[in-house]
Amino acid sequence: MTSAVKTLLAVVLGMALVVPTAFADDRPPASGFLGNPSAYDLLTKGPTGAYRYLKPGVDFKKYNKYMIDSVIFFLADAADYKGIDPRR
């Protein structure tokens, strides 16, 4: 092979390896859980690598407590029982 063909081959292989990673997005795919697809743009990567939402402008230093609300799971609308409450 001539040096021009080798150079062209090296450039094409280099671009084939570099271009896909340049356009790669490590954001999670929109599953529809948050409703509006633009809501996923508000997620940022946290210190553990998991994605989270932080409201812009919130001063967390003024808070000294947190509250965890009870979760109730709801089944299909046609089900006889409409929810599972863990407190019962």
C-alpha atoms as a PDB file:
ATOM      1  CA  MET A   1       0.000   0.000   0.000  1.00  0.00           C
ATOM      2  CA  THR A   2       1.099   3.498  -0.677  1.00  0.00           C
ATOM      3  CA  SER A   3       1.575   5.995   2.099  1.00  0.00           C
ATOM      4  CA  ALA A   4      -1.438   8.038   0.932  1.00  0.00           C
ATOM      5  CA  VAL A   5      -3.737   5.021   1.211  1.00  0.00           C
ATOM      6  CA  LYS A   6      -2.321   4.173   4.645  1.00  0.00           C
ATOM      7  CA  THR A   7      -2.849   7.757   5.800  1.00  0.00           C
ATOM      8  CA  LEU A   8      -6.398   7.815   4.466  1.00  0.00           C
ATOM      9  CA  LEU A   9      -7.149   4.474   6.137  1.00  0.00           C
ATOM     10  CA  ALA A  10      -5.755   5.752   9.451  1.00  0.00           C
ATOM     11  CA  VAL A  11      -7.883   8.917   9.234  1.00  0.00           C
ATOM     12  CA  VAL A  12     -11.053   6.967   8.430  1.00  0.00           C
ATOM     13  CA  LEU A  13     -10.437   4.484  11.262  1.00  0.00           C
ATOM     14  CA  GLY A  14      -9.644   7.317  13.666  1.00  0.00           C
ATOM     15  CA  MET A  15     -12.865   9.125  12.803  1.00  0.00           C
ATOM     16  CA  ALA A  16     -14.845   5.890  13.133  1.00  0.00           C
ATOM     17  CA  LEU A  17     -13.576   5.593  16.704  1.00  0.00           C
ATOM     18  CA  VAL A  18     -13.774   9.254  17.750  1.00  0.00           C
ATOM     19  CA  VAL A  19     -17.011  10.521  16.168  1.00  0.00           C
ATOM     20  CA  PRO A  20     -19.445   8.147  17.969  1.00  0.00           C
ATOM     21  CA  THR A  21     -17.981   9.029  21.371  1.00  0.00           C
ATOM     22  CA  ALA A  22     -18.187  12.742  20.627  1.00  0.00           C
ATOM     23  CA  PHE A  23     -21.943  12.513  20.157  1.00  0.00           C
ATOM     24  CA  ALA A  24     -22.546   9.995  22.950  1.00  0.00           C
ATOM     25  CA  ASP A  25     -24.887  11.132  25.715  1.00  0.00           C
ATOM     26  CA  ASP A  26     -24.609   9.487  29.115  1.00  0.00           C
ATOM     27  CA  ARG A  27     -28.004  10.771  30.236  1.00  0.00           C
ATOM     28  CA  PRO A  28     -30.640   8.169  31.023  1.00  0.00           C
ATOM     29  CA  PRO A  29     -33.181   7.552  28.286  1.00  0.00           C
ATOM     30  CA  ALA A  30     -36.575   9.169  28.758  1.00  0.00           C
ATOM     31  CA  SER A  31     -38.811   6.385  30.056  1.00  0.00           C
ATOM     32  CA  GLY A  32     -41.923   8.533  30.394  1.00  0.00           C
ATOM     33  CA  PHE A  33     -41.937   8.240  34.194  1.00  0.00           C
ATOM     34  CA  LEU A  34     -41.503  11.990  34.671  1.00  0.00           C
ATOM     35  CA  GLY A  35     -44.244  12.785  32.169  1.00  0.00           C
ATOM     36  CA  ASN A  36     -42.901  15.673  30.138  1.00  0.00           C
ATOM     37  CA  PRO A  37     -39.787  14.644  28.148  1.00  0.00           C
ATOM     38  CA  SER A  38     -38.176  18.050  28.843  1.00  0.00           C
ATOM     39  CA  ALA A  39     -38.220  17.207  32.578  1.00  0.00           C
ATOM     40  CA  TYR A  40     -35.259  14.911  31.947  1.00  0.00           C
ATOM     41  CA  ASP A  41     -33.167  17.964  31.057  1.00  0.00           C
ATOM     42  CA  LEU A  42     -33.449  19.043  34.719  1.00  0.00           C
ATOM     43  CA  LEU A  43     -31.646  15.932  35.976  1.00  0.00           C
ATOM     44  CA  THR A  44     -27.988  16.264  36.945  1.00  0.00           C
ATOM     45  CA  LYS A  45     -25.471  13.628  37.932  1.00  0.00           C
ATOM     46  CA  GLY A  46     -24.946  13.471  41.710  1.00  0.00           C
ATOM     47  CA  PRO A  47     -21.778  12.567  43.635  1.00  0.00           C
ATOM     48  CA  THR A  48     -22.582   8.831  43.510  1.00  0.00           C
ATOM     49  CA  GLY A  49     -23.218   8.894  39.761  1.00  0.00           C
ATOM     50  CA  ALA A  50     -27.000   8.614  40.115  1.00  0.00           C
ATOM     51  CA  TYR A  51     -29.158  11.260  38.477  1.00  0.00           C
ATOM     52  CA  ARG A  52     -31.084  13.687  40.677  1.00  0.00           C
ATOM     53  CA  TYR A  53     -33.166  16.847  40.514  1.00  0.00           C
ATOM     54  CA  LEU A  54     -32.213  19.885  42.577  1.00  0.00           C
ATOM     55  CA  LYS A  55     -34.412  22.952  42.401  1.00  0.00           C
ATOM     56  CA  PRO A  56     -32.270  25.915  41.303  1.00  0.00           C
ATOM     57  CA  GLY A  57     -31.790  28.599  43.942  1.00  0.00           C
ATOM     58  CA  VAL A  58     -32.640  26.482  47.014  1.00  0.00           C
ATOM     59  CA  ASP A  59     -30.462  27.200  50.067  1.00  0.00           C
ATOM     60  CA  PHE A  60     -30.108  23.804  51.756  1.00  0.00           C
ATOM     61  CA  LYS A  61     -28.146  25.284  54.693  1.00  0.00           C
ATOM     62  CA  LYS A  62     -31.327  26.721  56.206  1.00  0.00           C
ATOM     63  CA  TYR A  63     -32.857  23.238  56.613  1.00  0.00           C
ATOM     64  CA  ASN A  64     -32.047  21.031  59.593  1.00  0.00           C
ATOM     65  CA  LYS A  65     -34.626  18.238  59.131  1.00  0.00           C
ATOM     66  CA  TYR A  66     -36.086  16.143  56.380  1.00  0.00           C
ATOM     67  CA  MET A  67     -39.356  14.288  55.998  1.00  0.00           C
ATOM     68  CA  ILE A  68     -40.012  11.016  54.224  1.00  0.00           C
ATOM     69  CA  ASP A  69     -43.607  10.542  53.189  1.00  0.00           C
ATOM     70  CA  SER A  70     -45.281   7.145  53.189  1.00  0.00           C
ATOM     71  CA  VAL A  71     -45.601   5.508  49.806  1.00  0.00           C
ATOM     72  CA  ILE A  72     -48.893   4.031  48.608  1.00  0.00           C
ATOM     73  CA  PHE A  73     -48.855   1.777  45.562  1.00  0.00           C
ATOM     74  CA  PHE A  74     -51.916   1.926  43.331  1.00  0.00           C
ATOM     75  CA  LEU A  75     -52.901  -0.925  41.077  1.00  0.00           C
ATOM     76  CA  ALA A  76     -55.032  -0.852  37.965  1.00  0.00           C
ATOM     77  CA  ASP A  77     -58.266   1.158  38.023  1.00  0.00           C
ATOM     78  CA  ALA A  78     -60.287  -2.003  37.405  1.00  0.00           C
ATOM     79  CA  ALA A  79     -58.843  -3.747  40.507  1.00  0.00           C
ATOM     80  CA  ASP A  80     -61.086  -4.352  43.549  1.00  0.00           C
ATOM     81  CA  TYR A  81     -58.525  -2.797  45.913  1.00  0.00           C
ATOM     82  CA  LYS A  82     -57.178   0.533  44.723  1.00  0.00           C
ATOM     83  CA  GLY A  83     -54.060   0.927  46.859  1.00  0.00           C
ATOM     84  CA  ILE A  84     -51.512  -0.807  49.071  1.00  0.00           C
ATOM     85  CA  ASP A  85     -50.710   1.228  52.169  1.00  0.00           C
ATOM     86  CA  PRO A  86     -47.636  -0.087  54.076  1.00  0.00           C
ATOM     87  CA  ARG A  87     -48.897   1.395  57.376  1.00  0.00           C
ATOM     88  CA  ARG A  88     -51.818  -1.089  57.525  1.00  0.00           C
END
